[in-house]
PDB file of N, CA and C in Angstrom:
ATOM      1  N   MET A   1       0.789  -1.218   0.033  1.00  0.00           N
ATOM      2  CA  MET A   1      -0.025  -0.049   0.003  1.00  0.00           C
ATOM      3  C   MET A   1       0.820   1.317  -0.068  1.00  0.00           C
ATOM      4  N   ARG A   2       1.925   1.228   0.841  1.00  0.00           N
ATOM      5  CA  ARG A   2       2.770   2.284   0.938  1.00  0.00           C
ATOM      6  C   ARG A   2       3.552   2.561  -0.414  1.00  0.00           C
ATOM      7  N   GLU A   3       4.000   1.584  -1.034  1.00  0.00           N
ATOM      8  CA  GLU A   3       4.659   1.574  -2.411  1.00  0.00           C
ATOM      9  C   GLU A   3       3.625   2.245  -3.488  1.00  0.00           C
ATOM     10  N   LEU A   4       2.400   1.894  -3.230  1.00  0.00           N
ATOM     11  CA  LEU A   4       1.404   2.427  -4.234  1.00  0.00           C
ATOM     12  C   LEU A   4       1.248   3.938  -4.053  1.00  0.00           C
ATOM     13  N   LEU A   5       1.248   4.405  -2.797  1.00  0.00           N
ATOM     14  CA  LEU A   5       1.186   5.761  -2.408  1.00  0.00           C
ATOM     15  C   LEU A   5       2.323   6.616  -2.934  1.00  0.00           C
ATOM     16  N   VAL A   6       3.583   5.986  -2.845  1.00  0.00           N
ATOM     17  CA  VAL A   6       4.829   6.654  -3.218  1.00  0.00           C
ATOM     18  C   VAL A   6       4.755   6.771  -4.795  1.00  0.00           C
ATOM     19  N   ILE A   7       4.287   5.768  -5.416  1.00  0.00           N
ATOM     20  CA  ILE A   7       4.257   5.713  -6.924  1.00  0.00           C
ATOM     21  C   ILE A   7       3.267   6.815  -7.338  1.00  0.00           C
ATOM     22  N   ALA A   8       2.086   6.876  -6.717  1.00  0.00           N
ATOM     23  CA  ALA A   8       1.088   7.878  -7.002  1.00  0.00           C
ATOM     24  C   ALA A   8       1.668   9.300  -6.814  1.00  0.00           C
ATOM     25  N   LEU A   9       2.276   9.594  -5.727  1.00  0.00           N
ATOM     26  CA  LEU A   9       2.839  10.891  -5.492  1.00  0.00           C
ATOM     27  C   LEU A   9       3.970  11.302  -6.473  1.00  0.00           C
ATOM     28  N   LEU A  10       4.684  10.291  -6.821  1.00  0.00           N
ATOM     29  CA  LEU A  10       5.816  10.536  -7.887  1.00  0.00           C
ATOM     30  C   LEU A  10       5.168  10.922  -9.151  1.00  0.00           C
ATOM     31  N   ALA A  11       4.107  10.184  -9.506  1.00  0.00           N
ATOM     32  CA  ALA A  11       3.389  10.506 -10.774  1.00  0.00           C
ATOM     33  C   ALA A  11       2.757  11.852 -10.838  1.00  0.00           C
ATOM     34  N   LEU A  12       2.247  12.189  -9.630  1.00  0.00           N
ATOM     35  CA  LEU A  12       1.525  13.427  -9.377  1.00  0.00           C
ATOM     36  C   LEU A  12       2.656  14.574  -9.626  1.00  0.00           C
ATOM     37  N   GLY A  13       3.796  14.354  -8.901  1.00  0.00           N
ATOM     38  CA  GLY A  13       4.916  15.344  -9.044  1.00  0.00           C
ATOM     39  C   GLY A  13       5.424  15.608 -10.496  1.00  0.00           C
ATOM     40  N   GLY A  14       5.348  14.427 -11.197  1.00  0.00           N
ATOM     41  CA  GLY A  14       5.794  14.421 -12.639  1.00  0.00           C
ATOM     42  C   GLY A  14       4.760  15.304 -13.378  1.00  0.00           C
ATOM     43  N   VAL A  15       3.561  15.126 -13.137  1.00  0.00           N
ATOM     44  CA  VAL A  15       2.453  15.825 -13.977  1.00  0.00           C
ATOM     45  C   VAL A  15       2.719  17.349 -13.667  1.00  0.00           C
ATOM     46  N   THR A  16       2.819  17.685 -12.301  1.00  0.00           N
ATOM     47  CA  THR A  16       2.890  18.914 -11.938  1.00  0.00           C
ATOM     48  C   THR A  16       4.167  19.701 -12.593  1.00  0.00           C
ATOM     49  N   CYS A  17       5.489  18.944 -12.617  1.00  0.00           N
ATOM     50  CA  CYS A  17       6.458  19.468 -13.214  1.00  0.00           C
ATOM     51  C   CYS A  17       6.391  19.655 -14.735  1.00  0.00           C
ATOM     52  N   ALA A  18       5.635  18.712 -15.364  1.00  0.00           N
ATOM     53  CA  ALA A  18       5.435  18.871 -16.747  1.00  0.00           C
ATOM     54  C   ALA A  18       4.536  19.961 -17.228  1.00  0.00           C
ATOM     55  N   THR A  19       3.626  20.410 -16.267  1.00  0.00           N
ATOM     56  CA  THR A  19       2.762  21.359 -16.651  1.00  0.00           C
ATOM     57  C   THR A  19       3.157  22.775 -16.342  1.00  0.00           C
ATOM     58  N   ARG A  20       4.292  22.923 -15.551  1.00  0.00           N
ATOM     59  CA  ARG A  20       4.804  24.268 -15.223  1.00  0.00           C
ATOM     60  C   ARG A  20       5.402  24.893 -16.470  1.00  0.00           C
ATOM     61  N   LYS A  21       5.196  26.077 -16.556  1.00  0.00           N
ATOM     62  CA  LYS A  21       5.753  26.840 -17.724  1.00  0.00           C
ATOM     63  C   LYS A  21       6.978  27.586 -17.089  1.00  0.00           C
ATOM     64  N   ALA A  22       8.036  27.776 -17.930  1.00  0.00           N
ATOM     65  CA  ALA A  22       9.156  28.616 -17.506  1.00  0.00           C
ATOM     66  C   ALA A  22       8.674  30.080 -17.410  1.00  0.00           C
ATOM     67  N   PRO A  23       9.272  30.755 -16.617  1.00  0.00           N
ATOM     68  CA  PRO A  23       8.895  32.172 -16.394  1.00  0.00           C
ATOM     69  C   PRO A  23       9.382  32.957 -17.567  1.00  0.00           C
ATOM     70  N   PRO A  24       8.438  33.969 -18.021  1.00  0.00           N
ATOM     71  CA  PRO A  24       8.793  34.714 -19.134  1.00  0.00           C
ATOM     72  C   PRO A  24      10.074  35.540 -18.896  1.00  0.00           C
ATOM     73  N   PRO A  25      10.848  35.825 -20.026  1.00  0.00           N
ATOM     74  CA  PRO A  25      12.089  36.586 -19.803  1.00  0.00           C
ATOM     75  C   PRO A  25      11.656  37.953 -19.296  1.00  0.00           C
ATOM     76  N   ALA A  26      12.683  38.480 -18.422  1.00  0.00           N
ATOM     77  CA  ALA A  26      12.466  39.822 -17.917  1.00  0.00           C
ATOM     78  C   ALA A  26      12.397  40.903 -18.944  1.00  0.00           C
ATOM     79  N   PRO A  27      11.458  41.891 -19.059  1.00  0.00           N
ATOM     80  CA  PRO A  27      11.628  42.877 -19.988  1.00  0.00           C
ATOM     81  C   PRO A  27      12.799  43.628 -19.847  1.00  0.00           C
ATOM     82  N   GLY A  28      13.179  44.242 -21.039  1.00  0.00           N
ATOM     83  CA  GLY A  28      14.505  45.064 -20.987  1.00  0.00           C
ATOM     84  C   GLY A  28      14.237  46.314 -20.157  1.00  0.00           C
ATOM     85  N   THR A  29      15.228  46.807 -19.617  1.00  0.00           N
ATOM     86  CA  THR A  29      15.243  48.027 -18.753  1.00  0.00           C
ATOM     87  C   THR A  29      14.985  49.178 -19.666  1.00  0.00           C
ATOM     88  N   ARG A  30      14.253  50.178 -19.001  1.00  0.00           N
ATOM     89  CA  ARG A  30      13.993  51.440 -19.702  1.00  0.00           C
ATOM     90  C   ARG A  30      15.027  52.539 -19.030  1.00  0.00           C
ATOM     91  N   HIS A  31      15.780  53.328 -19.886  1.00  0.00           N
ATOM     92  CA  HIS A  31      16.681  54.172 -19.424  1.00  0.00           C
ATOM     93  C   HIS A  31      16.302  55.611 -19.896  1.00  0.00           C
ATOM     94  N   GLU A  32      16.226  56.600 -19.113  1.00  0.00           N
ATOM     95  CA  GLU A  32      15.859  57.939 -19.492  1.00  0.00           C
ATOM     96  C   GLU A  32      17.073  58.865 -19.718  1.00  0.00           C
ATOM     97  N   VAL A  33      17.168  59.542 -20.879  1.00  0.00           N
ATOM     98  CA  VAL A  33      18.077  60.688 -21.050  1.00  0.00           C
ATOM     99  C   VAL A  33      17.255  61.835 -21.068  1.00  0.00           C
ATOM    100  N   GLN A  34      17.503  62.770 -20.235  1.00  0.00           N
ATOM    101  CA  GLN A  34      16.846  64.053 -20.162  1.00  0.00           C
ATOM    102  C   GLN A  34      17.530  65.130 -20.992  1.00  0.00           C
ATOM    103  N   MET A  35      16.665  65.890 -21.821  1.00  0.00           N
ATOM    104  CA  MET A  35      17.322  66.900 -22.487  1.00  0.00           C
ATOM    105  C   MET A  35      16.911  68.218 -21.701  1.00  0.00           C
ATOM    106  N   ARG A  36      17.950  68.774 -20.940  1.00  0.00           N
ATOM    107  CA  ARG A  36      17.775  69.909 -20.210  1.00  0.00           C
ATOM    108  C   ARG A  36      18.967  70.836 -20.086  1.00  0.00           C
ATOM    109  N   ALA A  37      18.744  72.088 -19.964  1.00  0.00           N
ATOM    110  CA  ALA A  37      19.836  73.053 -19.805  1.00  0.00           C
ATOM    111  C   ALA A  37      20.799  72.996 -21.060  1.00  0.00           C
ATOM    112  N   VAL A  38      20.142  72.724 -22.241  1.00  0.00           N
ATOM    113  CA  VAL A  38      20.873  72.582 -23.413  1.00  0.00           C
ATOM    114  C   VAL A  38      21.904  71.454 -23.305  1.00  0.00           C
ATOM    115  N   ALA A  39      21.602  70.378 -22.746  1.00  0.00           N
ATOM    116  CA  ALA A  39      22.458  69.193 -22.536  1.00  0.00           C
ATOM    117  C   ALA A  39      21.751  68.007 -22.506  1.00  0.00           C
ATOM    118  N   PHE A  40      22.396  66.812 -22.656  1.00  0.00           N
ATOM    119  CA  PHE A  40      21.922  65.501 -22.368  1.00  0.00           C
ATOM    120  C   PHE A  40      22.280  64.983 -21.066  1.00  0.00           C
ATOM    121  N   ALA A  41      21.475  64.464 -20.321  1.00  0.00           N
ATOM    122  CA  ALA A  41      21.749  64.083 -19.017  1.00  0.00           C
ATOM    123  C   ALA A  41      21.034  62.623 -18.720  1.00  0.00           C
ATOM    124  N   PRO A  42      21.910  61.668 -18.605  1.00  0.00           N
ATOM    125  CA  PRO A  42      23.431  61.656 -18.646  1.00  0.00           C
ATOM    126  C   PRO A  42      23.964  61.846 -19.940  1.00  0.00           C
ATOM    127  N   LYS A  43      25.139  62.214 -20.095  1.00  0.00           N
ATOM    128  CA  LYS A  43      25.888  62.640 -21.355  1.00  0.00           C
ATOM    129  C   LYS A  43      26.158  61.141 -21.986  1.00  0.00           C
ATOM    130  N   GLU A  44      26.710  60.189 -21.029  1.00  0.00           N
ATOM    131  CA  GLU A  44      27.122  58.930 -21.561  1.00  0.00           C
ATOM    132  C   GLU A  44      26.313  57.836 -20.774  1.00  0.00           C
ATOM    133  N   LEU A  45      25.975  56.854 -21.475  1.00  0.00           N
ATOM    134  CA  LEU A  45      24.991  55.880 -20.811  1.00  0.00           C
ATOM    135  C   LEU A  45      25.466  54.442 -21.472  1.00  0.00           C
ATOM    136  N   THR A  46      25.453  53.430 -20.634  1.00  0.00           N
ATOM    137  CA  THR A  46      25.697  52.085 -21.008  1.00  0.00           C
ATOM    138  C   THR A  46      24.451  51.217 -20.702  1.00  0.00           C
ATOM    139  N   VAL A  47      23.982  50.548 -21.867  1.00  0.00           N
ATOM    140  CA  VAL A  47      22.729  49.836 -21.681  1.00  0.00           C
ATOM    141  C   VAL A  47      22.931  48.423 -22.244  1.00  0.00           C
ATOM    142  N   HIS A  48      22.068  47.553 -21.810  1.00  0.00           N
ATOM    143  CA  HIS A  48      22.091  46.170 -22.481  1.00  0.00           C
ATOM    144  C   HIS A  48      21.231  46.099 -23.793  1.00  0.00           C
ATOM    145  N   LEU A  49      21.741  45.164 -24.553  1.00  0.00           N
ATOM    146  CA  LEU A  49      20.927  44.816 -25.840  1.00  0.00           C
ATOM    147  C   LEU A  49      19.518  44.455 -25.347  1.00  0.00           C
ATOM    148  N   GLY A  50      18.532  45.073 -25.924  1.00  0.00           N
ATOM    149  CA  GLY A  50      17.261  44.715 -25.601  1.00  0.00           C
ATOM    150  C   GLY A  50      16.584  45.760 -24.567  1.00  0.00           C
ATOM    151  N   ASP A  51      17.433  46.553 -24.025  1.00  0.00           N
ATOM    152  CA  ASP A  51      16.913  47.723 -23.203  1.00  0.00           C
ATOM    153  C   ASP A  51      16.273  48.889 -24.166  1.00  0.00           C
ATOM    154  N   THR A  52      15.654  49.662 -23.537  1.00  0.00           N
ATOM    155  CA  THR A  52      14.976  50.875 -24.199  1.00  0.00           C
ATOM    156  C   THR A  52      15.514  52.159 -23.698  1.00  0.00           C
ATOM    157  N   VAL A  53      15.908  53.052 -24.593  1.00  0.00           N
ATOM    158  CA  VAL A  53      16.376  54.294 -24.282  1.00  0.00           C
ATOM    159  C   VAL A  53      15.331  55.350 -24.591  1.00  0.00           C
ATOM    160  N   SER A  54      15.047  56.184 -23.617  1.00  0.00           N
ATOM    161  CA  SER A  54      13.935  57.272 -23.831  1.00  0.00           C
ATOM    162  C   SER A  54      14.555  58.461 -23.581  1.00  0.00           C
ATOM    163  N   TRP A  55      14.385  59.409 -24.675  1.00  0.00           N
ATOM    164  CA  TRP A  55      14.919  60.770 -24.495  1.00  0.00           C
ATOM    165  C   TRP A  55      13.671  61.626 -24.275  1.00  0.00           C
ATOM    166  N   LYS A  56      13.823  62.374 -23.055  1.00  0.00           N
ATOM    167  CA  LYS A  56      12.669  63.208 -22.670  1.00  0.00           C
ATOM    168  C   LYS A  56      13.147  64.700 -22.606  1.00  0.00           C
ATOM    169  N   ASN A  57      12.377  65.562 -23.323  1.00  0.00           N
ATOM    170  CA  ASN A  57      12.638  66.983 -23.279  1.00  0.00           C
ATOM    171  C   ASN A  57      12.054  67.599 -21.997  1.00  0.00           C
ATOM    172  N   VAL A  58      12.826  67.965 -21.157  1.00  0.00           N
ATOM    173  CA  VAL A  58      12.416  68.594 -19.888  1.00  0.00           C
ATOM    174  C   VAL A  58      12.895  69.977 -19.818  1.00  0.00           C
ATOM    175  N   ASP A  59      13.297  70.531 -20.945  1.00  0.00           N
ATOM    176  CA  ASP A  59      13.679  71.922 -21.156  1.00  0.00           C
ATOM    177  C   ASP A  59      12.556  72.693 -21.540  1.00  0.00           C
ATOM    178  N   ILE A  60      12.971  74.061 -21.892  1.00  0.00           N
ATOM    179  CA  ILE A  60      11.867  75.029 -22.231  1.00  0.00           C
ATOM    180  C   ILE A  60      12.007  75.248 -23.728  1.00  0.00           C
ATOM    181  N   VAL A  61      12.852  74.595 -24.381  1.00  0.00           N
ATOM    182  CA  VAL A  61      13.001  74.760 -25.909  1.00  0.00           C
ATOM    183  C   VAL A  61      13.041  73.406 -26.530  1.00  0.00           C
ATOM    184  N   ARG A  62      12.889  73.452 -27.910  1.00  0.00           N
ATOM    185  CA  ARG A  62      12.837  72.104 -28.621  1.00  0.00           C
ATOM    186  C   ARG A  62      14.332  71.605 -28.750  1.00  0.00           C
ATOM    187  N   HIS A  63      14.386  70.297 -28.722  1.00  0.00           N
ATOM    188  CA  HIS A  63      15.643  69.485 -28.929  1.00  0.00           C
ATOM    189  C   HIS A  63      15.401  68.396 -29.749  1.00  0.00           C
ATOM    190  N   ASN A  64      16.426  67.641 -30.141  1.00  0.00           N
ATOM    191  CA  ASN A  64      16.410  66.463 -30.921  1.00  0.00           C
ATOM    192  C   ASN A  64      17.614  65.430 -30.620  1.00  0.00           C
ATOM    193  N   ALA A  65      17.625  64.289 -30.884  1.00  0.00           N
ATOM    194  CA  ALA A  65      18.814  63.495 -30.760  1.00  0.00           C
ATOM    195  C   ALA A  65      18.919  62.701 -32.035  1.00  0.00           C
ATOM    196  N   LEU A  66      20.029  62.793 -32.709  1.00  0.00           N
ATOM    197  CA  LEU A  66      20.198  62.172 -34.005  1.00  0.00           C
ATOM    198  C   LEU A  66      21.595  61.313 -34.099  1.00  0.00           C
ATOM    199  N   ARG A  67      21.428  60.151 -34.471  1.00  0.00           N
ATOM    200  CA  ARG A  67      22.540  59.310 -34.904  1.00  0.00           C
ATOM    201  C   ARG A  67      22.193  58.757 -36.264  1.00  0.00           C
ATOM    202  N   PRO A  68      22.744  59.363 -37.427  1.00  0.00           N
ATOM    203  CA  PRO A  68      22.323  59.003 -38.756  1.00  0.00           C
ATOM    204  C   PRO A  68      22.357  57.566 -38.923  1.00  0.00           C
ATOM    205  N   ASN A  69      21.382  56.975 -39.604  1.00  0.00           N
ATOM    206  CA  ASN A  69      21.133  55.669 -39.950  1.00  0.00           C
ATOM    207  C   ASN A  69      20.909  54.774 -38.849  1.00  0.00           C
ATOM    208  N   THR A  70      20.687  55.328 -37.570  1.00  0.00           N
ATOM    209  CA  THR A  70      20.556  54.585 -36.407  1.00  0.00           C
ATOM    210  C   THR A  70      19.233  54.928 -35.647  1.00  0.00           C
ATOM    211  N   PHE A  71      19.117  56.275 -35.338  1.00  0.00           N
ATOM    212  CA  PHE A  71      17.800  56.697 -34.665  1.00  0.00           C
ATOM    213  C   PHE A  71      17.733  58.232 -34.889  1.00  0.00           C
ATOM    214  N   ASP A  72      16.541  58.806 -34.838  1.00  0.00           N
ATOM    215  CA  ASP A  72      16.278  60.130 -35.013  1.00  0.00           C
ATOM    216  C   ASP A  72      14.969  60.410 -34.261  1.00  0.00           C
ATOM    217  N   THR A  73      14.981  61.200 -33.124  1.00  0.00           N
ATOM    218  CA  THR A  73      13.869  61.549 -32.314  1.00  0.00           C
ATOM    219  C   THR A  73      12.966  62.442 -32.910  1.00  0.00           C
ATOM    220  N   GLY A  74      13.483  63.193 -33.994  1.00  0.00           N
ATOM    221  CA  GLY A  74      12.748  64.314 -34.447  1.00  0.00           C
ATOM    222  C   GLY A  74      12.762  65.376 -33.506  1.00  0.00           C
ATOM    223  N   GLU A  75      12.267  66.586 -33.853  1.00  0.00           N
ATOM    224  CA  GLU A  75      12.190  67.678 -32.853  1.00  0.00           C
ATOM    225  C   GLU A  75      11.228  67.444 -31.751  1.00  0.00           C
ATOM    226  N   LEU A  76      11.663  67.459 -30.578  1.00  0.00           N
ATOM    227  CA  LEU A  76      10.718  67.176 -29.449  1.00  0.00           C
ATOM    228  C   LEU A  76      10.504  68.428 -28.722  1.00  0.00           C
ATOM    229  N   LYS A  77       9.127  68.807 -28.548  1.00  0.00           N
ATOM    230  CA  LYS A  77       8.735  70.104 -27.797  1.00  0.00           C
ATOM    231  C   LYS A  77       8.906  69.581 -26.253  1.00  0.00           C
ATOM    232  N   PRO A  78       9.023  70.709 -25.553  1.00  0.00           N
ATOM    233  CA  PRO A  78       9.044  70.478 -23.990  1.00  0.00           C
ATOM    234  C   PRO A  78       7.754  69.362 -23.678  1.00  0.00           C
ATOM    235  N   GLY A  79       8.353  68.483 -22.851  1.00  0.00           N
ATOM    236  CA  GLY A  79       7.404  67.470 -22.367  1.00  0.00           C
ATOM    237  C   GLY A  79       7.233  66.183 -23.247  1.00  0.00           C
ATOM    238  N   GLU A  80       7.804  66.215 -24.471  1.00  0.00           N
ATOM    239  CA  GLU A  80       7.602  65.104 -25.382  1.00  0.00           C
ATOM    240  C   GLU A  80       8.763  64.215 -25.187  1.00  0.00           C
ATOM    241  N   SER A  81       8.760  63.023 -25.651  1.00  0.00           N
ATOM    242  CA  SER A  81       9.816  61.999 -25.610  1.00  0.00           C
ATOM    243  C   SER A  81       9.757  60.992 -26.739  1.00  0.00           C
ATOM    244  N   HIS A  82      10.800  60.335 -26.832  1.00  0.00           N
ATOM    245  CA  HIS A  82      10.904  59.368 -28.002  1.00  0.00           C
ATOM    246  C   HIS A  82      11.715  58.240 -27.436  1.00  0.00           C
ATOM    247  N   ASN A  83      11.330  56.931 -27.834  1.00  0.00           N
ATOM    248  CA  ASN A  83      12.000  55.675 -27.412  1.00  0.00           C
ATOM    249  C   ASN A  83      12.748  54.991 -28.525  1.00  0.00           C
ATOM    250  N   TRP A  84      13.842  54.449 -28.170  1.00  0.00           N
ATOM    251  CA  TRP A  84      14.647  53.625 -29.202  1.00  0.00           C
ATOM    252  C   TRP A  84      15.170  52.381 -28.380  1.00  0.00           C
ATOM    253  N   THR A  85      15.057  51.339 -29.122  1.00  0.00           N
ATOM    254  CA  THR A  85      15.497  49.947 -28.628  1.00  0.00           C
ATOM    255  C   THR A  85      16.616  49.503 -29.570  1.00  0.00           C
ATOM    256  N   PRO A  86      17.899  49.471 -29.090  1.00  0.00           N
ATOM    257  CA  PRO A  86      18.961  49.140 -29.985  1.00  0.00           C
ATOM    258  C   PRO A  86      18.895  47.703 -30.431  1.00  0.00           C
ATOM    259  N   ALA A  87      19.275  47.515 -31.736  1.00  0.00           N
ATOM    260  CA  ALA A  87      19.118  46.272 -32.380  1.00  0.00           C
ATOM    261  C   ALA A  87      20.585  45.575 -32.451  1.00  0.00           C
ATOM    262  N   ASP A  88      21.655  46.283 -31.996  1.00  0.00           N
ATOM    263  CA  ASP A  88      22.925  45.761 -32.202  1.00  0.00           C
ATOM    264  C   ASP A  88      23.785  46.390 -31.079  1.00  0.00           C
ATOM    265  N   THR A  89      24.981  45.736 -30.729  1.00  0.00           N
ATOM    266  CA  THR A  89      25.721  46.194 -29.757  1.00  0.00           C
ATOM    267  C   THR A  89      26.676  47.301 -30.410  1.00  0.00           C
ATOM    268  N   GLY A  90      27.285  48.135 -29.589  1.00  0.00           N
ATOM    269  CA  GLY A  90      28.370  49.011 -30.274  1.00  0.00           C
ATOM    270  C   GLY A  90      28.210  50.376 -29.372  1.00  0.00           C
ATOM    271  N   THR A  91      29.024  51.351 -29.885  1.00  0.00           N
ATOM    272  CA  THR A  91      29.001  52.591 -29.243  1.00  0.00           C
ATOM    273  C   THR A  91      28.348  53.653 -30.215  1.00  0.00           C
ATOM    274  N   TYR A  92      27.393  54.386 -29.833  1.00  0.00           N
ATOM    275  CA  TYR A  92      26.634  55.293 -30.732  1.00  0.00           C
ATOM    276  C   TYR A  92      26.718  56.735 -30.127  1.00  0.00           C
ATOM    277  N   ALA A  93      27.521  57.478 -30.875  1.00  0.00           N
ATOM    278  CA  ALA A  93      27.624  59.065 -30.480  1.00  0.00           C
ATOM    279  C   ALA A  93      26.502  59.642 -31.245  1.00  0.00           C
ATOM    280  N   TYR A  94      25.864  60.548 -30.626  1.00  0.00           N
ATOM    281  CA  TYR A  94      24.769  61.310 -31.172  1.00  0.00           C
ATOM    282  C   TYR A  94      24.719  62.780 -30.819  1.00  0.00           C
ATOM    283  N   ARG A  95      23.854  63.595 -31.405  1.00  0.00           N
ATOM    284  CA  ARG A  95      23.853  65.064 -31.039  1.00  0.00           C
ATOM    285  C   ARG A  95      22.517  65.615 -31.420  1.00  0.00           C
ATOM    286  N   CYS A  96      22.398  66.761 -30.835  1.00  0.00           N
ATOM    287  CA  CYS A  96      21.148  67.588 -31.219  1.00  0.00           C
ATOM    288  C   CYS A  96      21.532  68.488 -32.272  1.00  0.00           C
ATOM    289  N   THR A  97      20.820  68.412 -33.462  1.00  0.00           N
ATOM    290  CA  THR A  97      21.200  69.248 -34.581  1.00  0.00           C
ATOM    291  C   THR A  97      20.816  70.720 -34.341  1.00  0.00           C
ATOM    292  N   ILE A  98      19.954  70.892 -33.368  1.00  0.00           N
ATOM    293  CA  ILE A  98      19.412  72.267 -33.148  1.00  0.00           C
ATOM    294  C   ILE A  98      20.396  73.063 -32.277  1.00  0.00           C
ATOM    295  N   HIS A  99      21.066  72.375 -31.358  1.00  0.00           N
ATOM    296  CA  HIS A  99      22.092  72.891 -30.373  1.00  0.00           C
ATOM    297  C   HIS A  99      23.285  72.058 -30.625  1.00  0.00           C
ATOM    298  N   GLN A 100      24.322  72.491 -31.458  1.00  0.00           N
ATOM    299  CA  GLN A 100      25.419  71.784 -31.918  1.00  0.00           C
ATOM    300  C   GLN A 100      26.341  71.290 -30.581  1.00  0.00           C
ATOM    301  N   ARG A 101      26.228  71.996 -29.550  1.00  0.00           N
ATOM    302  CA  ARG A 101      27.180  71.546 -28.437  1.00  0.00           C
ATOM    303  C   ARG A 101      26.503  70.460 -27.675  1.00  0.00           C
ATOM    304  N   MET A 102      25.218  70.016 -27.865  1.00  0.00           N
ATOM    305  CA  MET A 102      24.598  68.960 -27.209  1.00  0.00           C
ATOM    306  C   MET A 102      25.015  67.668 -27.903  1.00  0.00           C
ATOM    307  N   ARG A 103      25.864  66.913 -27.107  1.00  0.00           N
ATOM    308  CA  ARG A 103      26.278  65.684 -27.683  1.00  0.00           C
ATOM    309  C   ARG A 103      26.313  64.591 -26.567  1.00  0.00           C
ATOM    310  N   GLY A 104      26.083  63.350 -27.009  1.00  0.00           N
ATOM    311  CA  GLY A 104      25.885  62.177 -25.944  1.00  0.00           C
ATOM    312  C   GLY A 104      26.419  60.952 -26.580  1.00  0.00           C
ATOM    313  N   ARG A 105      26.554  59.963 -25.824  1.00  0.00           N
ATOM    314  CA  ARG A 105      27.090  58.544 -26.233  1.00  0.00           C
ATOM    315  C   ARG A 105      26.413  57.477 -25.585  1.00  0.00           C
ATOM    316  N   ILE A 106      25.813  56.529 -26.254  1.00  0.00           N
ATOM    317  CA  ILE A 106      25.357  55.314 -25.718  1.00  0.00           C
ATOM    318  C   ILE A 106      26.213  54.079 -26.060  1.00  0.00           C
ATOM    319  N   THR A 107      26.492  53.312 -25.150  1.00  0.00           N
ATOM    320  CA  THR A 107      27.232  52.067 -25.464  1.00  0.00           C
ATOM    321  C   THR A 107      26.256  50.897 -25.075  1.00  0.00           C
ATOM    322  N   VAL A 108      26.122  50.068 -26.052  1.00  0.00           N
ATOM    323  CA  VAL A 108      25.192  49.041 -25.902  1.00  0.00           C
ATOM    324  C   VAL A 108      25.999  47.696 -25.787  1.00  0.00           C
ATOM    325  N   VAL A 109      25.852  46.947 -24.753  1.00  0.00           N
ATOM    326  CA  VAL A 109      26.542  45.683 -24.507  1.00  0.00           C
ATOM    327  C   VAL A 109      25.551  44.591 -24.211  1.00  0.00           C
ATOM    328  N   THR A 110      26.114  43.328 -24.431  1.00  0.00           N
ATOM    329  CA  THR A 110      25.338  42.191 -24.013  1.00  0.00           C
ATOM    330  C   THR A 110      25.364  41.974 -22.465  1.00  0.00           C
ATOM    331  N   LYS A 111      24.340  41.350 -21.966  1.00  0.00           N
ATOM    332  CA  LYS A 111      24.342  41.148 -20.523  1.00  0.00           C
ATOM    333  C   LYS A 111      25.521  40.236 -20.178  1.00  0.00           C
ATOM    334  N   GLN A 112      25.802  39.369 -20.915  1.00  0.00           N
ATOM    335  CA  GLN A 112      26.965  38.330 -20.705  1.00  0.00           C
ATOM    336  C   GLN A 112      28.337  39.156 -20.510  1.00  0.00           C
ATOM    337  N   LYS A 113      28.553  40.081 -21.217  1.00  0.00           N
ATOM    338  CA  LYS A 113      29.879  40.981 -21.192  1.00  0.00           C
ATOM    339  C   LYS A 113      29.846  41.700 -19.817  1.00  0.00           C
ATOM    340  N   VAL A 114      28.683  42.304 -19.367  1.00  0.00           N
ATOM    341  CA  VAL A 114      28.713  43.031 -18.256  1.00  0.00           C
ATOM    342  C   VAL A 114      28.839  42.022 -17.012  1.00  0.00           C
ATOM    343  N   GLU A 115      28.206  40.852 -17.064  1.00  0.00           N
ATOM    344  CA  GLU A 115      28.335  39.984 -15.956  1.00  0.00           C
ATOM    345  C   GLU A 115      29.726  39.327 -15.727  1.00  0.00           C
ATOM    346  N   SER A 116      30.410  39.205 -16.897  1.00  0.00           N
ATOM    347  CA  SER A 116      31.804  38.673 -16.828  1.00  0.00           C
ATOM    348  C   SER A 116      32.842  39.801 -16.496  1.00  0.00           C
ATOM    349  N   GLY A 117      32.293  41.091 -16.276  1.00  0.00           N
ATOM    350  CA  GLY A 117      33.211  42.144 -15.962  1.00  0.00           C
ATOM    351  C   GLY A 117      33.853  42.835 -17.124  1.00  0.00           C
ATOM    352  N   LYS A 118      33.460  42.509 -18.394  1.00  0.00           N
ATOM    353  CA  LYS A 118      34.163  43.151 -19.609  1.00  0.00           C
ATOM    354  C   LYS A 118      32.979  43.916 -20.155  1.00  0.00           C
ATOM    355  N   PRO A 119      32.729  45.194 -19.747  1.00  0.00           N
ATOM    356  CA  PRO A 119      31.761  46.039 -20.386  1.00  0.00           C
ATOM    357  C   PRO A 119      32.159  46.299 -21.817  1.00  0.00           C
TER     358      PRO A 119
END
């Protein structure tokens, strides 16, 4: 009788394990770059592949962020924002074409590189 109970419990455990789904992958992190005081803040940012970068204009004048052939926020009025999710690793220097001194840089790395200590 006891053996039958153990077999039944093992069978139940197998069914439970077989019906469990793996947890969904964690969504990418959202990083905000503020456009304020005619500057990008932060000026330099390191993100993981799959993360999202959001430029938000918190200034009183229009700004944009442009990296030709990669992203273009268009002119953002105060309070507006634009999101970009990088498709590849690398370092992306960008600028505001309205205010030439506004420059920034985003470095996109894989999680594996960061975890191994090699950003």
